[in-house]
């Protein structure tokens, strides 16, 4: 999108989860979002940063 905002459906597709999962995480304050006219919107860069911040690094067992 030109304005950088994503809808809940776009975020759920990006994360490969259901829209209801995204709603629950937003309500809990876990996924960064904004409310515009009562609708949830997501800044694409914020969602990407959130994904990177929650990446779990694997460890090698020796």
PDB file of N, CA and C in Angstrom:
ATOM      1  N   UNK A   1       0.842  -1.186   0.000  1.00  0.00           N
ATOM      2  CA  UNK A   1       0.000   0.000   0.000  1.00  0.00           C
ATOM      3  C   UNK A   1       0.884   1.246   0.000  1.00  0.00           C
ATOM      4  N   UNK A   2       0.382   2.311  -0.564  1.00  0.00           N
ATOM      5  CA  UNK A   2       1.146   3.545  -0.645  1.00  0.00           C
ATOM      6  C   UNK A   2       1.344   4.202   0.713  1.00  0.00           C
ATOM      7  N   UNK A   3       0.337   4.116   1.587  1.00  0.00           N
ATOM      8  CA  UNK A   3       0.434   4.806   2.874  1.00  0.00           C
ATOM      9  C   UNK A   3       1.145   3.978   3.947  1.00  0.00           C
ATOM     10  N   UNK A   4       1.501   2.751   3.651  1.00  0.00           N
ATOM     11  CA  UNK A   4       2.219   1.918   4.605  1.00  0.00           C
ATOM     12  C   UNK A   4       1.343   1.208   5.613  1.00  0.00           C
ATOM     13  N   UNK A   5       0.035   1.446   5.577  1.00  0.00           N
ATOM     14  CA  UNK A   5      -0.867   0.791   6.517  1.00  0.00           C
ATOM     15  C   UNK A   5      -1.315  -0.563   5.984  1.00  0.00           C
ATOM     16  N   UNK A   6      -1.442  -1.516   6.902  1.00  0.00           N
ATOM     17  CA  UNK A   6      -1.943  -2.842   6.565  1.00  0.00           C
ATOM     18  C   UNK A   6      -3.250  -3.078   7.310  1.00  0.00           C
ATOM     19  N   UNK A   7      -4.124  -3.866   6.718  1.00  0.00           N
ATOM     20  CA  UNK A   7      -5.371  -4.256   7.378  1.00  0.00           C
ATOM     21  C   UNK A   7      -5.110  -5.495   8.234  1.00  0.00           C
ATOM     22  N   UNK A   8      -6.082  -5.848   9.034  1.00  0.00           N
ATOM     23  CA  UNK A   8      -5.942  -7.035   9.876  1.00  0.00           C
ATOM     24  C   UNK A   8      -5.801  -8.295   9.034  1.00  0.00           C
ATOM     25  N   UNK A   9      -6.501  -8.346   7.897  1.00  0.00           N
ATOM     26  CA  UNK A   9      -6.391  -9.508   7.027  1.00  0.00           C
ATOM     27  C   UNK A   9      -5.005  -9.609   6.397  1.00  0.00           C
ATOM     28  N   UNK A  10      -4.432  -8.477   6.033  1.00  0.00           N
ATOM     29  CA  UNK A  10      -3.090  -8.486   5.456  1.00  0.00           C
ATOM     30  C   UNK A  10      -2.051  -8.935   6.481  1.00  0.00           C
ATOM     31  N   UNK A  11      -2.207  -8.485   7.716  1.00  0.00           N
ATOM     32  CA  UNK A  11      -1.274  -8.897   8.771  1.00  0.00           C
ATOM     33  C   UNK A  11      -1.436 -10.384   9.071  1.00  0.00           C
ATOM     34  N   UNK A  12      -2.667 -10.864   9.124  1.00  0.00           N
ATOM     35  CA  UNK A  12      -2.881 -12.289   9.403  1.00  0.00           C
ATOM     36  C   UNK A  12      -2.301 -13.153   8.290  1.00  0.00           C
ATOM     37  N   UNK A  13      -2.399 -12.698   7.045  1.00  0.00           N
ATOM     38  CA  UNK A  13      -1.791 -13.443   5.941  1.00  0.00           C
ATOM     39  C   UNK A  13      -0.267 -13.410   6.041  1.00  0.00           C
ATOM     40  N   UNK A  14       0.272 -12.262   6.381  1.00  0.00           N
ATOM     41  CA  UNK A  14       1.723 -12.104   6.516  1.00  0.00           C
ATOM     42  C   UNK A  14       2.277 -13.038   7.597  1.00  0.00           C
ATOM     43  N   UNK A  15       1.546 -13.163   8.713  1.00  0.00           N
ATOM     44  CA  UNK A  15       1.975 -13.995   9.822  1.00  0.00           C
ATOM     45  C   UNK A  15       1.498 -15.445   9.702  1.00  0.00           C
ATOM     46  N   UNK A  16       0.650 -15.706   8.725  1.00  0.00           N
ATOM     47  CA  UNK A  16       0.085 -17.036   8.506  1.00  0.00           C
ATOM     48  C   UNK A  16      -0.697 -17.518   9.735  1.00  0.00           C
ATOM     49  N   UNK A  17      -1.527 -16.614  10.251  1.00  0.00           N
ATOM     50  CA  UNK A  17      -2.403 -16.914  11.386  1.00  0.00           C
ATOM     51  C   UNK A  17      -3.802 -16.390  11.061  1.00  0.00           C
ATOM     52  N   UNK A  18      -4.760 -16.714  11.895  1.00  0.00           N
ATOM     53  CA  UNK A  18      -6.128 -16.249  11.655  1.00  0.00           C
ATOM     54  C   UNK A  18      -6.287 -14.785  12.088  1.00  0.00           C
ATOM     55  N   UNK A  19      -7.242 -14.078  11.483  1.00  0.00           N
ATOM     56  CA  UNK A  19      -7.511 -12.709  11.921  1.00  0.00           C
ATOM     57  C   UNK A  19      -7.899 -12.631  13.396  1.00  0.00           C
ATOM     58  N   UNK A  20      -8.600 -13.642  13.912  1.00  0.00           N
ATOM     59  CA  UNK A  20      -8.996 -13.617  15.323  1.00  0.00           C
ATOM     60  C   UNK A  20      -7.767 -13.675  16.236  1.00  0.00           C
ATOM     61  N   UNK A  21      -6.713 -14.390  15.821  1.00  0.00           N
ATOM     62  CA  UNK A  21      -5.473 -14.433  16.595  1.00  0.00           C
ATOM     63  C   UNK A  21      -4.850 -13.045  16.661  1.00  0.00           C
ATOM     64  N   UNK A  22      -4.864 -12.336  15.523  1.00  0.00           N
ATOM     65  CA  UNK A  22      -4.296 -10.992  15.472  1.00  0.00           C
ATOM     66  C   UNK A  22      -5.113 -10.057  16.363  1.00  0.00           C
ATOM     67  N   UNK A  23      -6.447 -10.158  16.309  1.00  0.00           N
ATOM     68  CA  UNK A  23      -7.301  -9.340  17.183  1.00  0.00           C
ATOM     69  C   UNK A  23      -6.951  -9.555  18.654  1.00  0.00           C
ATOM     70  N   UNK A  24      -6.801 -10.822  19.055  1.00  0.00           N
ATOM     71  CA  UNK A  24      -6.492 -11.138  20.451  1.00  0.00           C
ATOM     72  C   UNK A  24      -5.158 -10.525  20.868  1.00  0.00           C
ATOM     73  N   UNK A  25      -4.154 -10.626  20.014  1.00  0.00           N
ATOM     74  CA  UNK A  25      -2.834 -10.087  20.340  1.00  0.00           C
ATOM     75  C   UNK A  25      -2.864  -8.563  20.392  1.00  0.00           C
ATOM     76  N   UNK A  26      -3.674  -7.935  19.555  1.00  0.00           N
ATOM     77  CA  UNK A  26      -3.814  -6.471  19.607  1.00  0.00           C
ATOM     78  C   UNK A  26      -4.499  -6.052  20.898  1.00  0.00           C
ATOM     79  N   UNK A  27      -5.552  -6.768  21.261  1.00  0.00           N
ATOM     80  CA  UNK A  27      -6.280  -6.443  22.483  1.00  0.00           C
ATOM     81  C   UNK A  27      -5.375  -6.576  23.700  1.00  0.00           C
ATOM     82  N   UNK A  28      -4.457  -7.543  23.652  1.00  0.00           N
ATOM     83  CA  UNK A  28      -3.510  -7.751  24.751  1.00  0.00           C
ATOM     84  C   UNK A  28      -2.334  -6.777  24.696  1.00  0.00           C
ATOM     85  N   UNK A  29      -2.256  -5.978  23.633  1.00  0.00           N
ATOM     86  CA  UNK A  29      -1.179  -5.008  23.502  1.00  0.00           C
ATOM     87  C   UNK A  29       0.138  -5.610  23.037  1.00  0.00           C
ATOM     88  N   UNK A  30       0.074  -6.739  22.367  1.00  0.00           N
ATOM     89  CA  UNK A  30       1.285  -7.444  21.953  1.00  0.00           C
ATOM     90  C   UNK A  30       1.766  -7.000  20.573  1.00  0.00           C
ATOM     91  N   UNK A  31       0.844  -6.841  19.635  1.00  0.00           N
ATOM     92  CA  UNK A  31       1.214  -6.422  18.285  1.00  0.00           C
ATOM     93  C   UNK A  31       0.963  -4.919  18.157  1.00  0.00           C
ATOM     94  N   UNK A  32       1.969  -4.157  17.672  1.00  0.00           N
ATOM     95  CA  UNK A  32       1.785  -2.713  17.534  1.00  0.00           C
ATOM     96  C   UNK A  32       0.733  -2.377  16.474  1.00  0.00           C
ATOM     97  N   UNK A  33      -0.184  -1.479  16.833  1.00  0.00           N
ATOM     98  CA  UNK A  33      -1.262  -1.125  15.917  1.00  0.00           C
ATOM     99  C   UNK A  33      -1.783   0.267  16.253  1.00  0.00           C
ATOM    100  N   UNK A  34      -2.613   0.797  15.371  1.00  0.00           N
ATOM    101  CA  UNK A  34      -3.301   2.062  15.614  1.00  0.00           C
ATOM    102  C   UNK A  34      -4.778   1.850  15.313  1.00  0.00           C
ATOM    103  N   UNK A  35      -5.594   2.673  15.950  1.00  0.00           N
ATOM    104  CA  UNK A  35      -7.033   2.653  15.656  1.00  0.00           C
ATOM    105  C   UNK A  35      -7.359   3.915  14.885  1.00  0.00           C
ATOM    106  N   UNK A  36      -7.959   3.720  13.735  1.00  0.00           N
ATOM    107  CA  UNK A  36      -8.381   4.842  12.901  1.00  0.00           C
ATOM    108  C   UNK A  36      -9.871   4.665  12.653  1.00  0.00           C
ATOM    109  N   UNK A  37     -10.651   5.551  13.225  1.00  0.00           N
ATOM    110  CA  UNK A  37     -12.104   5.444  13.076  1.00  0.00           C
ATOM    111  C   UNK A  37     -12.651   4.138  13.600  1.00  0.00           C
ATOM    112  N   UNK A  38     -12.044   3.598  14.649  1.00  0.00           N
ATOM    113  CA  UNK A  38     -12.514   2.344  15.229  1.00  0.00           C
ATOM    114  C   UNK A  38     -11.980   1.103  14.548  1.00  0.00           C
ATOM    115  N   UNK A  39     -11.231   1.283  13.455  1.00  0.00           N
ATOM    116  CA  UNK A  39     -10.669   0.140  12.740  1.00  0.00           C
ATOM    117  C   UNK A  39      -9.204  -0.028  13.106  1.00  0.00           C
ATOM    118  N   UNK A  40      -8.764  -1.269  13.167  1.00  0.00           N
ATOM    119  CA  UNK A  40      -7.357  -1.542  13.434  1.00  0.00           C
ATOM    120  C   UNK A  40      -6.562  -1.392  12.146  1.00  0.00           C
ATOM    121  N   UNK A  41      -5.440  -0.702  12.252  1.00  0.00           N
ATOM    122  CA  UNK A  41      -4.518  -0.579  11.129  1.00  0.00           C
ATOM    123  C   UNK A  41      -3.118  -0.790  11.665  1.00  0.00           C
ATOM    124  N   UNK A  42      -2.244  -1.259  10.813  1.00  0.00           N
ATOM    125  CA  UNK A  42      -0.888  -1.600  11.205  1.00  0.00           C
ATOM    126  C   UNK A  42       0.083  -0.899  10.267  1.00  0.00           C
ATOM    127  N   UNK A  43       1.147  -0.326  10.840  1.00  0.00           N
ATOM    128  CA  UNK A  43       2.204   0.266  10.032  1.00  0.00           C
ATOM    129  C   UNK A  43       3.114  -0.890   9.620  1.00  0.00           C
ATOM    130  N   UNK A  44       3.293  -1.053   8.334  1.00  0.00           N
ATOM    131  CA  UNK A  44       4.065  -2.182   7.816  1.00  0.00           C
ATOM    132  C   UNK A  44       5.445  -2.298   8.446  1.00  0.00           C
ATOM    133  N   UNK A  45       6.143  -1.182   8.604  1.00  0.00           N
ATOM    134  CA  UNK A  45       7.481  -1.199   9.195  1.00  0.00           C
ATOM    135  C   UNK A  45       7.440  -1.651  10.650  1.00  0.00           C
ATOM    136  N   UNK A  46       6.393  -1.275  11.379  1.00  0.00           N
ATOM    137  CA  UNK A  46       6.257  -1.694  12.778  1.00  0.00           C
ATOM    138  C   UNK A  46       6.037  -3.199  12.885  1.00  0.00           C
ATOM    139  N   UNK A  47       5.226  -3.738  11.986  1.00  0.00           N
ATOM    140  CA  UNK A  47       4.969  -5.184  12.002  1.00  0.00           C
ATOM    141  C   UNK A  47       6.256  -5.939  11.673  1.00  0.00           C
ATOM    142  N   UNK A  48       7.003  -5.458  10.676  1.00  0.00           N
ATOM    143  CA  UNK A  48       8.271  -6.096  10.329  1.00  0.00           C
ATOM    144  C   UNK A  48       9.254  -6.044  11.495  1.00  0.00           C
ATOM    145  N   UNK A  49       9.325  -4.905  12.172  1.00  0.00           N
ATOM    146  CA  UNK A  49      10.222  -4.762  13.328  1.00  0.00           C
ATOM    147  C   UNK A  49       9.785  -5.687  14.460  1.00  0.00           C
ATOM    148  N   UNK A  50       8.477  -5.837  14.665  1.00  0.00           N
ATOM    149  CA  UNK A  50       7.954  -6.723  15.701  1.00  0.00           C
ATOM    150  C   UNK A  50       8.340  -8.170  15.400  1.00  0.00           C
ATOM    151  N   UNK A  51       8.252  -8.561  14.124  1.00  0.00           N
ATOM    152  CA  UNK A  51       8.635  -9.920  13.727  1.00  0.00           C
ATOM    153  C   UNK A  51      10.107 -10.157  14.044  1.00  0.00           C
ATOM    154  N   UNK A  52      10.957  -9.224  13.659  1.00  0.00           N
ATOM    155  CA  UNK A  52      12.400  -9.365  13.899  1.00  0.00           C
ATOM    156  C   UNK A  52      12.691  -9.423  15.395  1.00  0.00           C
ATOM    157  N   UNK A  53      12.016  -8.587  16.171  1.00  0.00           N
ATOM    158  CA  UNK A  53      12.249  -8.544  17.615  1.00  0.00           C
ATOM    159  C   UNK A  53      11.838  -9.841  18.312  1.00  0.00           C
ATOM    160  N   UNK A  54      10.923 -10.585  17.720  1.00  0.00           N
ATOM    161  CA  UNK A  54      10.442 -11.816  18.338  1.00  0.00           C
ATOM    162  C   UNK A  54      11.042 -13.074  17.721  1.00  0.00           C
ATOM    163  N   UNK A  55      12.058 -12.881  16.913  1.00  0.00           N
ATOM    164  CA  UNK A  55      12.732 -14.026  16.313  1.00  0.00           C
ATOM    165  C   UNK A  55      13.520 -14.743  17.397  1.00  0.00           C
ATOM    166  N   UNK A  56      13.409 -16.060  17.425  1.00  0.00           N
ATOM    167  CA  UNK A  56      14.137 -16.860  18.398  1.00  0.00           C
ATOM    168  C   UNK A  56      15.338 -17.457  17.681  1.00  0.00           C
ATOM    169  N   UNK A  57      16.498 -17.209  18.244  1.00  0.00           N
ATOM    170  CA  UNK A  57      17.715 -17.760  17.665  1.00  0.00           C
ATOM    171  C   UNK A  57      17.892 -19.180  18.156  1.00  0.00           C
ATOM    172  N   UNK A  58      18.203 -20.055  17.248  1.00  0.00           N
ATOM    173  CA  UNK A  58      18.445 -21.446  17.612  1.00  0.00           C
ATOM    174  C   UNK A  58      19.822 -21.592  18.241  1.00  0.00           C
ATOM    175  N   UNK A  59      20.002 -22.691  18.922  1.00  0.00           N
ATOM    176  CA  UNK A  59      21.318 -22.963  19.500  1.00  0.00           C
ATOM    177  C   UNK A  59      21.743 -24.360  19.095  1.00  0.00           C
ATOM    178  N   UNK A  60      23.010 -24.500  18.943  1.00  0.00           N
ATOM    179  CA  UNK A  60      23.550 -25.794  18.565  1.00  0.00           C
ATOM    180  C   UNK A  60      23.894 -26.590  19.823  1.00  0.00           C
ATOM    181  N   UNK A  61      23.495 -27.828  19.854  1.00  0.00           N
ATOM    182  CA  UNK A  61      23.876 -28.699  20.964  1.00  0.00           C
ATOM    183  C   UNK A  61      25.186 -29.374  20.570  1.00  0.00           C
ATOM    184  N   UNK A  62      26.102 -29.344  21.492  1.00  0.00           N
ATOM    185  CA  UNK A  62      27.421 -29.919  21.214  1.00  0.00           C
ATOM    186  C   UNK A  62      27.572 -31.212  21.956  1.00  0.00           C
TER     187      UNK A  62
END
